[in-house]
């Protein structure tokens, strides 16, 4: 989403993590995605770092606002270190006995409540406009909602539900979620040129 918003031209290689191509492992021994390989050989391996790099190139709507820097860091760190752990347990609760799935959902709800409270003050987490924190946190709220969509849709988080729906309907999300064929060694990459796609 950040690359498309920042109008960065790039080559896309859609990979299957079940059959990791050797090119991925050469670029990043972690073997996870995303991996952004820059001209000159630098490799960026973390989603937040890819976002920061993209916004350093072009940030027309000021997603990285200086006035929200400390609050953004705090909320994104809570998402990354606490909420993501509870989300993982909630999604794959059978792997984490002895607690039932509902136990892990309740653990995660504390963070959702914090987001709901943020949204009680603003349309987005920190402002009337979208910022870095919204885009960094949204994918994980989406994952949480999809675990049990029936439960999430009736949960006491109406503002968070609307916030999520706004993202799901946004053009930048829809474009970023387009499906592409899995890349194999020897295939040409797909060129993403300021949102357009060429073979």
C-alpha atoms as a PDB file:
ATOM      1  CA  UNK A   1       0.000   0.000   0.000  1.00  0.00           C
ATOM      2  CA  UNK A   2       2.788   2.440   0.888  1.00  0.00           C
ATOM      3  CA  UNK A   3       4.668   1.793  -2.356  1.00  0.00           C
ATOM      4  CA  UNK A   4       1.542   2.450  -4.408  1.00  0.00           C
ATOM      5  CA  UNK A   5       0.560   5.515  -2.378  1.00  0.00           C
ATOM      6  CA  UNK A   6       4.094   6.899  -2.788  1.00  0.00           C
ATOM      7  CA  UNK A   7       3.922   6.260  -6.562  1.00  0.00           C
ATOM      8  CA  UNK A   8       7.126   4.225  -6.444  1.00  0.00           C
ATOM      9  CA  UNK A   9       7.842   2.229  -9.598  1.00  0.00           C
ATOM     10  CA  UNK A  10       9.026  -1.297  -8.796  1.00  0.00           C
ATOM     11  CA  UNK A  11       9.302  -4.852 -10.061  1.00  0.00           C
ATOM     12  CA  UNK A  12       6.955  -7.289  -8.357  1.00  0.00           C
ATOM     13  CA  UNK A  13       7.774 -10.938  -7.809  1.00  0.00           C
ATOM     14  CA  UNK A  14       4.849 -12.785  -6.229  1.00  0.00           C
ATOM     15  CA  UNK A  15       6.242 -15.795  -4.344  1.00  0.00           C
ATOM     16  CA  UNK A  16       4.844 -18.860  -2.622  1.00  0.00           C
ATOM     17  CA  UNK A  17       6.313 -19.227   0.851  1.00  0.00           C
ATOM     18  CA  UNK A  18       5.597 -22.945   0.593  1.00  0.00           C
ATOM     19  CA  UNK A  19       8.060 -23.110  -2.319  1.00  0.00           C
ATOM     20  CA  UNK A  20      10.504 -20.272  -1.731  1.00  0.00           C
ATOM     21  CA  UNK A  21      12.537 -19.440  -4.830  1.00  0.00           C
ATOM     22  CA  UNK A  22      16.303 -19.361  -4.392  1.00  0.00           C
ATOM     23  CA  UNK A  23      16.299 -15.705  -5.492  1.00  0.00           C
ATOM     24  CA  UNK A  24      14.275 -14.822  -2.390  1.00  0.00           C
ATOM     25  CA  UNK A  25      16.676 -16.679  -0.105  1.00  0.00           C
ATOM     26  CA  UNK A  26      19.677 -15.059  -1.784  1.00  0.00           C
ATOM     27  CA  UNK A  27      18.150 -11.649  -1.186  1.00  0.00           C
ATOM     28  CA  UNK A  28      17.084 -12.411   2.381  1.00  0.00           C
ATOM     29  CA  UNK A  29      18.119 -15.453   4.378  1.00  0.00           C
ATOM     30  CA  UNK A  30      15.022 -14.937   6.582  1.00  0.00           C
ATOM     31  CA  UNK A  31      12.900 -16.164   3.694  1.00  0.00           C
ATOM     32  CA  UNK A  32       9.912 -14.044   4.693  1.00  0.00           C
ATOM     33  CA  UNK A  33       8.085 -11.315   2.807  1.00  0.00           C
ATOM     34  CA  UNK A  34       8.134  -8.487   2.021  1.00  0.00           C
ATOM     35  CA  UNK A  35      11.669  -8.087   0.722  1.00  0.00           C
ATOM     36  CA  UNK A  36      12.531  -4.863  -1.072  1.00  0.00           C
ATOM     37  CA  UNK A  37      15.771  -4.974  -3.072  1.00  0.00           C
ATOM     38  CA  UNK A  38      17.033  -1.482  -3.859  1.00  0.00           C
ATOM     39  CA  UNK A  39      19.401  -0.397  -6.614  1.00  0.00           C
ATOM     40  CA  UNK A  40      22.913  -0.602  -5.211  1.00  0.00           C
ATOM     41  CA  UNK A  41      22.234  -3.823  -3.314  1.00  0.00           C
ATOM     42  CA  UNK A  42      20.571  -2.648  -0.102  1.00  0.00           C
ATOM     43  CA  UNK A  43      17.783  -5.000   1.062  1.00  0.00           C
ATOM     44  CA  UNK A  44      14.859  -3.974   3.289  1.00  0.00           C
ATOM     45  CA  UNK A  45      13.224  -6.939   5.005  1.00  0.00           C
ATOM     46  CA  UNK A  46      10.568  -5.541   7.359  1.00  0.00           C
ATOM     47  CA  UNK A  47       7.174  -4.142   6.408  1.00  0.00           C
ATOM     48  CA  UNK A  48       7.501  -1.031   8.583  1.00  0.00           C
ATOM     49  CA  UNK A  49      10.919  -0.282   7.112  1.00  0.00           C
ATOM     50  CA  UNK A  50       9.532  -0.675   3.579  1.00  0.00           C
ATOM     51  CA  UNK A  51       6.790   1.789   4.488  1.00  0.00           C
ATOM     52  CA  UNK A  52       9.258   4.298   5.925  1.00  0.00           C
ATOM     53  CA  UNK A  53      11.483   4.007   2.853  1.00  0.00           C
ATOM     54  CA  UNK A  54       8.545   4.511   0.477  1.00  0.00           C
ATOM     55  CA  UNK A  55       7.279   7.549   2.377  1.00  0.00           C
ATOM     56  CA  UNK A  56      10.777   9.050   2.385  1.00  0.00           C
ATOM     57  CA  UNK A  57      10.526   9.008  -1.425  1.00  0.00           C
ATOM     58  CA  UNK A  58       7.101  10.645  -1.634  1.00  0.00           C
ATOM     59  CA  UNK A  59       4.501  11.371   1.052  1.00  0.00           C
ATOM     60  CA  UNK A  60       1.933  13.716  -0.521  1.00  0.00           C
ATOM     61  CA  UNK A  61      -0.646  13.480   2.271  1.00  0.00           C
ATOM     62  CA  UNK A  62       1.868  13.544   5.141  1.00  0.00           C
ATOM     63  CA  UNK A  63       1.347  10.030   6.527  1.00  0.00           C
ATOM     64  CA  UNK A  64       4.583  10.534   8.505  1.00  0.00           C
ATOM     65  CA  UNK A  65       3.563  13.570  10.494  1.00  0.00           C
ATOM     66  CA  UNK A  66       6.119  14.878  12.936  1.00  0.00           C
ATOM     67  CA  UNK A  67       3.478  15.884  15.492  1.00  0.00           C
ATOM     68  CA  UNK A  68       2.306  12.278  15.867  1.00  0.00           C
ATOM     69  CA  UNK A  69       5.748  10.623  15.910  1.00  0.00           C
ATOM     70  CA  UNK A  70       5.850   9.518  19.574  1.00  0.00           C
ATOM     71  CA  UNK A  71       2.194   8.449  19.645  1.00  0.00           C
ATOM     72  CA  UNK A  72       2.602   6.584  16.367  1.00  0.00           C
ATOM     73  CA  UNK A  73       5.679   4.742  17.615  1.00  0.00           C
ATOM     74  CA  UNK A  74       3.919   3.722  20.833  1.00  0.00           C
ATOM     75  CA  UNK A  75       0.786   2.423  19.132  1.00  0.00           C
ATOM     76  CA  UNK A  76       2.632   0.609  16.339  1.00  0.00           C
ATOM     77  CA  UNK A  77       4.983  -1.031  18.861  1.00  0.00           C
ATOM     78  CA  UNK A  78       2.025  -2.205  20.938  1.00  0.00           C
ATOM     79  CA  UNK A  79       0.527  -3.654  17.759  1.00  0.00           C
ATOM     80  CA  UNK A  80       3.772  -5.393  16.798  1.00  0.00           C
ATOM     81  CA  UNK A  81       4.770  -6.751  20.195  1.00  0.00           C
ATOM     82  CA  UNK A  82       1.498  -7.466  21.986  1.00  0.00           C
ATOM     83  CA  UNK A  83      -1.460  -7.500  19.630  1.00  0.00           C
ATOM     84  CA  UNK A  84       0.293  -9.596  16.968  1.00  0.00           C
ATOM     85  CA  UNK A  85       1.137 -12.238  19.596  1.00  0.00           C
ATOM     86  CA  UNK A  86      -2.468 -12.399  20.799  1.00  0.00           C
ATOM     87  CA  UNK A  87      -3.653 -12.468  17.177  1.00  0.00           C
ATOM     88  CA  UNK A  88      -1.372 -15.419  16.395  1.00  0.00           C
ATOM     89  CA  UNK A  89      -2.718 -17.315  19.404  1.00  0.00           C
ATOM     90  CA  UNK A  90      -6.308 -16.433  18.486  1.00  0.00           C
ATOM     91  CA  UNK A  91      -5.893 -17.582  14.867  1.00  0.00           C
ATOM     92  CA  UNK A  92      -4.089 -20.822  15.766  1.00  0.00           C
ATOM     93  CA  UNK A  93      -5.431 -21.438  19.234  1.00  0.00           C
ATOM     94  CA  UNK A  94      -5.272 -25.247  18.860  1.00  0.00           C
ATOM     95  CA  UNK A  95      -1.473 -24.927  18.979  1.00  0.00           C
ATOM     96  CA  UNK A  96      -1.549 -23.064  22.289  1.00  0.00           C
ATOM     97  CA  UNK A  97      -3.210 -25.169  24.999  1.00  0.00           C
ATOM     98  CA  UNK A  98      -4.639 -25.147  27.545  1.00  0.00           C
ATOM     99  CA  UNK A  99      -6.747 -22.053  26.803  1.00  0.00           C
ATOM    100  CA  UNK A 100      -9.761 -21.938  24.458  1.00  0.00           C
ATOM    101  CA  UNK A 101      -9.886 -19.575  21.487  1.00  0.00           C
ATOM    102  CA  UNK A 102     -12.093 -17.118  23.371  1.00  0.00           C
ATOM    103  CA  UNK A 103      -9.331 -16.610  25.955  1.00  0.00           C
ATOM    104  CA  UNK A 104      -6.928 -15.322  23.303  1.00  0.00           C
ATOM    105  CA  UNK A 105      -9.617 -13.181  21.729  1.00  0.00           C
ATOM    106  CA  UNK A 106     -10.210 -11.481  25.070  1.00  0.00           C
ATOM    107  CA  UNK A 107      -6.472 -10.817  25.409  1.00  0.00           C
ATOM    108  CA  UNK A 108      -6.496  -9.097  22.005  1.00  0.00           C
ATOM    109  CA  UNK A 109      -9.596  -7.050  22.768  1.00  0.00           C
ATOM    110  CA  UNK A 110      -7.650  -4.693  25.053  1.00  0.00           C
ATOM    111  CA  UNK A 111      -5.786  -3.330  22.023  1.00  0.00           C
ATOM    112  CA  UNK A 112      -8.977  -3.120  19.966  1.00  0.00           C
ATOM    113  CA  UNK A 113     -10.513  -1.062  22.761  1.00  0.00           C
ATOM    114  CA  UNK A 114      -7.548   1.313  22.634  1.00  0.00           C
ATOM    115  CA  UNK A 115      -8.079   1.737  18.896  1.00  0.00           C
ATOM    116  CA  UNK A 116     -11.814   2.299  19.429  1.00  0.00           C
ATOM    117  CA  UNK A 117     -10.985   5.049  21.932  1.00  0.00           C
ATOM    118  CA  UNK A 118      -8.614   6.703  19.446  1.00  0.00           C
ATOM    119  CA  UNK A 119     -11.351   6.619  16.824  1.00  0.00           C
ATOM    120  CA  UNK A 120     -13.813   8.212  19.255  1.00  0.00           C
ATOM    121  CA  UNK A 121     -11.671  11.354  18.977  1.00  0.00           C
ATOM    122  CA  UNK A 122     -10.829  11.295  15.276  1.00  0.00           C
ATOM    123  CA  UNK A 123     -11.942   9.733  12.011  1.00  0.00           C
ATOM    124  CA  UNK A 124      -8.570   7.953  11.884  1.00  0.00           C
ATOM    125  CA  UNK A 125      -6.334   6.927  14.764  1.00  0.00           C
ATOM    126  CA  UNK A 126      -4.621  10.277  15.288  1.00  0.00           C
ATOM    127  CA  UNK A 127      -6.315  12.733  12.997  1.00  0.00           C
ATOM    128  CA  UNK A 128      -9.114  13.441  10.574  1.00  0.00           C
ATOM    129  CA  UNK A 129      -6.744  12.127   7.908  1.00  0.00           C
ATOM    130  CA  UNK A 130      -4.958   8.847   7.341  1.00  0.00           C
ATOM    131  CA  UNK A 131      -1.487   8.500   8.885  1.00  0.00           C
ATOM    132  CA  UNK A 132       1.312   5.938   9.111  1.00  0.00           C
ATOM    133  CA  UNK A 133      -0.218   4.294  12.202  1.00  0.00           C
ATOM    134  CA  UNK A 134      -3.499   3.518  10.439  1.00  0.00           C
ATOM    135  CA  UNK A 135      -1.776   1.813   7.523  1.00  0.00           C
ATOM    136  CA  UNK A 136       0.694  -0.078   9.730  1.00  0.00           C
ATOM    137  CA  UNK A 137      -2.010  -1.443  12.053  1.00  0.00           C
ATOM    138  CA  UNK A 138      -4.893  -2.013   9.652  1.00  0.00           C
ATOM    139  CA  UNK A 139      -3.666  -5.364   8.174  1.00  0.00           C
ATOM    140  CA  UNK A 140      -3.600  -6.955  11.608  1.00  0.00           C
ATOM    141  CA  UNK A 141      -7.079  -5.749  12.555  1.00  0.00           C
ATOM    142  CA  UNK A 142      -8.231  -7.173   9.222  1.00  0.00           C
ATOM    143  CA  UNK A 143      -6.654 -10.539  10.084  1.00  0.00           C
ATOM    144  CA  UNK A 144      -8.297 -10.462  13.504  1.00  0.00           C
ATOM    145  CA  UNK A 145     -11.724  -9.689  12.027  1.00  0.00           C
ATOM    146  CA  UNK A 146     -11.464 -12.562   9.540  1.00  0.00           C
ATOM    147  CA  UNK A 147     -10.865 -15.178  12.240  1.00  0.00           C
ATOM    148  CA  UNK A 148     -14.523 -14.915  13.278  1.00  0.00           C
ATOM    149  CA  UNK A 149     -16.225 -12.266  11.159  1.00  0.00           C
ATOM    150  CA  UNK A 150     -19.638 -12.933  12.722  1.00  0.00           C
ATOM    151  CA  UNK A 151     -18.262 -12.188  16.181  1.00  0.00           C
ATOM    152  CA  UNK A 152     -16.311  -9.143  15.016  1.00  0.00           C
ATOM    153  CA  UNK A 153     -19.291  -7.606  13.227  1.00  0.00           C
ATOM    154  CA  UNK A 154     -21.378  -7.618  16.421  1.00  0.00           C
ATOM    155  CA  UNK A 155     -18.526  -6.750  18.824  1.00  0.00           C
ATOM    156  CA  UNK A 156     -18.728  -3.430  20.729  1.00  0.00           C
ATOM    157  CA  UNK A 157     -16.276  -1.660  18.411  1.00  0.00           C
ATOM    158  CA  UNK A 158     -18.496   0.265  15.956  1.00  0.00           C
ATOM    159  CA  UNK A 159     -15.905   2.906  15.100  1.00  0.00           C
ATOM    160  CA  UNK A 160     -13.230   0.286  14.516  1.00  0.00           C
ATOM    161  CA  UNK A 161     -15.603  -1.663  12.272  1.00  0.00           C
ATOM    162  CA  UNK A 162     -16.255   1.470  10.182  1.00  0.00           C
ATOM    163  CA  UNK A 163     -12.532   2.280  10.083  1.00  0.00           C
ATOM    164  CA  UNK A 164     -11.770  -1.227   8.820  1.00  0.00           C
ATOM    165  CA  UNK A 165     -14.497  -1.026   6.182  1.00  0.00           C
ATOM    166  CA  UNK A 166     -13.112   2.300   4.954  1.00  0.00           C
ATOM    167  CA  UNK A 167      -9.766   0.607   4.350  1.00  0.00           C
ATOM    168  CA  UNK A 168     -11.267  -2.428   2.659  1.00  0.00           C
ATOM    169  CA  UNK A 169     -13.102  -0.182   0.187  1.00  0.00           C
ATOM    170  CA  UNK A 170     -10.148   2.117  -0.500  1.00  0.00           C
ATOM    171  CA  UNK A 171      -8.587   2.075  -3.949  1.00  0.00           C
ATOM    172  CA  UNK A 172      -5.039   1.837  -2.580  1.00  0.00           C
ATOM    173  CA  UNK A 173      -5.946  -1.367  -0.695  1.00  0.00           C
ATOM    174  CA  UNK A 174      -7.868  -2.879  -3.599  1.00  0.00           C
ATOM    175  CA  UNK A 175      -4.936  -2.186  -5.943  1.00  0.00           C
ATOM    176  CA  UNK A 176      -2.393  -3.569  -3.472  1.00  0.00           C
ATOM    177  CA  UNK A 177      -4.401  -6.802  -3.058  1.00  0.00           C
ATOM    178  CA  UNK A 178      -4.542  -7.629  -6.769  1.00  0.00           C
ATOM    179  CA  UNK A 179      -3.592 -11.231  -7.468  1.00  0.00           C
ATOM    180  CA  UNK A 180      -0.644 -12.027  -9.691  1.00  0.00           C
ATOM    181  CA  UNK A 181       0.821 -15.321 -10.926  1.00  0.00           C
ATOM    182  CA  UNK A 182       3.456 -16.840  -8.670  1.00  0.00           C
ATOM    183  CA  UNK A 183       6.924 -15.947  -9.954  1.00  0.00           C
ATOM    184  CA  UNK A 184       9.330 -18.737 -10.854  1.00  0.00           C
ATOM    185  CA  UNK A 185      13.052 -18.535 -11.565  1.00  0.00           C
ATOM    186  CA  UNK A 186      13.462 -17.301 -15.121  1.00  0.00           C
ATOM    187  CA  UNK A 187      10.108 -15.506 -15.278  1.00  0.00           C
ATOM    188  CA  UNK A 188      10.014 -11.838 -16.092  1.00  0.00           C
ATOM    189  CA  UNK A 189       8.936  -9.642 -13.171  1.00  0.00           C
ATOM    190  CA  UNK A 190       5.737  -7.637 -13.266  1.00  0.00           C
ATOM    191  CA  UNK A 191       6.413  -3.910 -13.459  1.00  0.00           C
ATOM    192  CA  UNK A 192       4.335  -1.665 -11.224  1.00  0.00           C
ATOM    193  CA  UNK A 193       4.677   1.837 -12.627  1.00  0.00           C
ATOM    194  CA  UNK A 194       2.961   4.434 -10.433  1.00  0.00           C
ATOM    195  CA  UNK A 195       0.008   2.113  -9.914  1.00  0.00           C
ATOM    196  CA  UNK A 196      -0.150   0.794 -13.483  1.00  0.00           C
ATOM    197  CA  UNK A 197       0.830  -2.783 -14.252  1.00  0.00           C
ATOM    198  CA  UNK A 198       2.878  -3.971 -17.218  1.00  0.00           C
ATOM    199  CA  UNK A 199       4.308  -7.374 -18.084  1.00  0.00           C
END
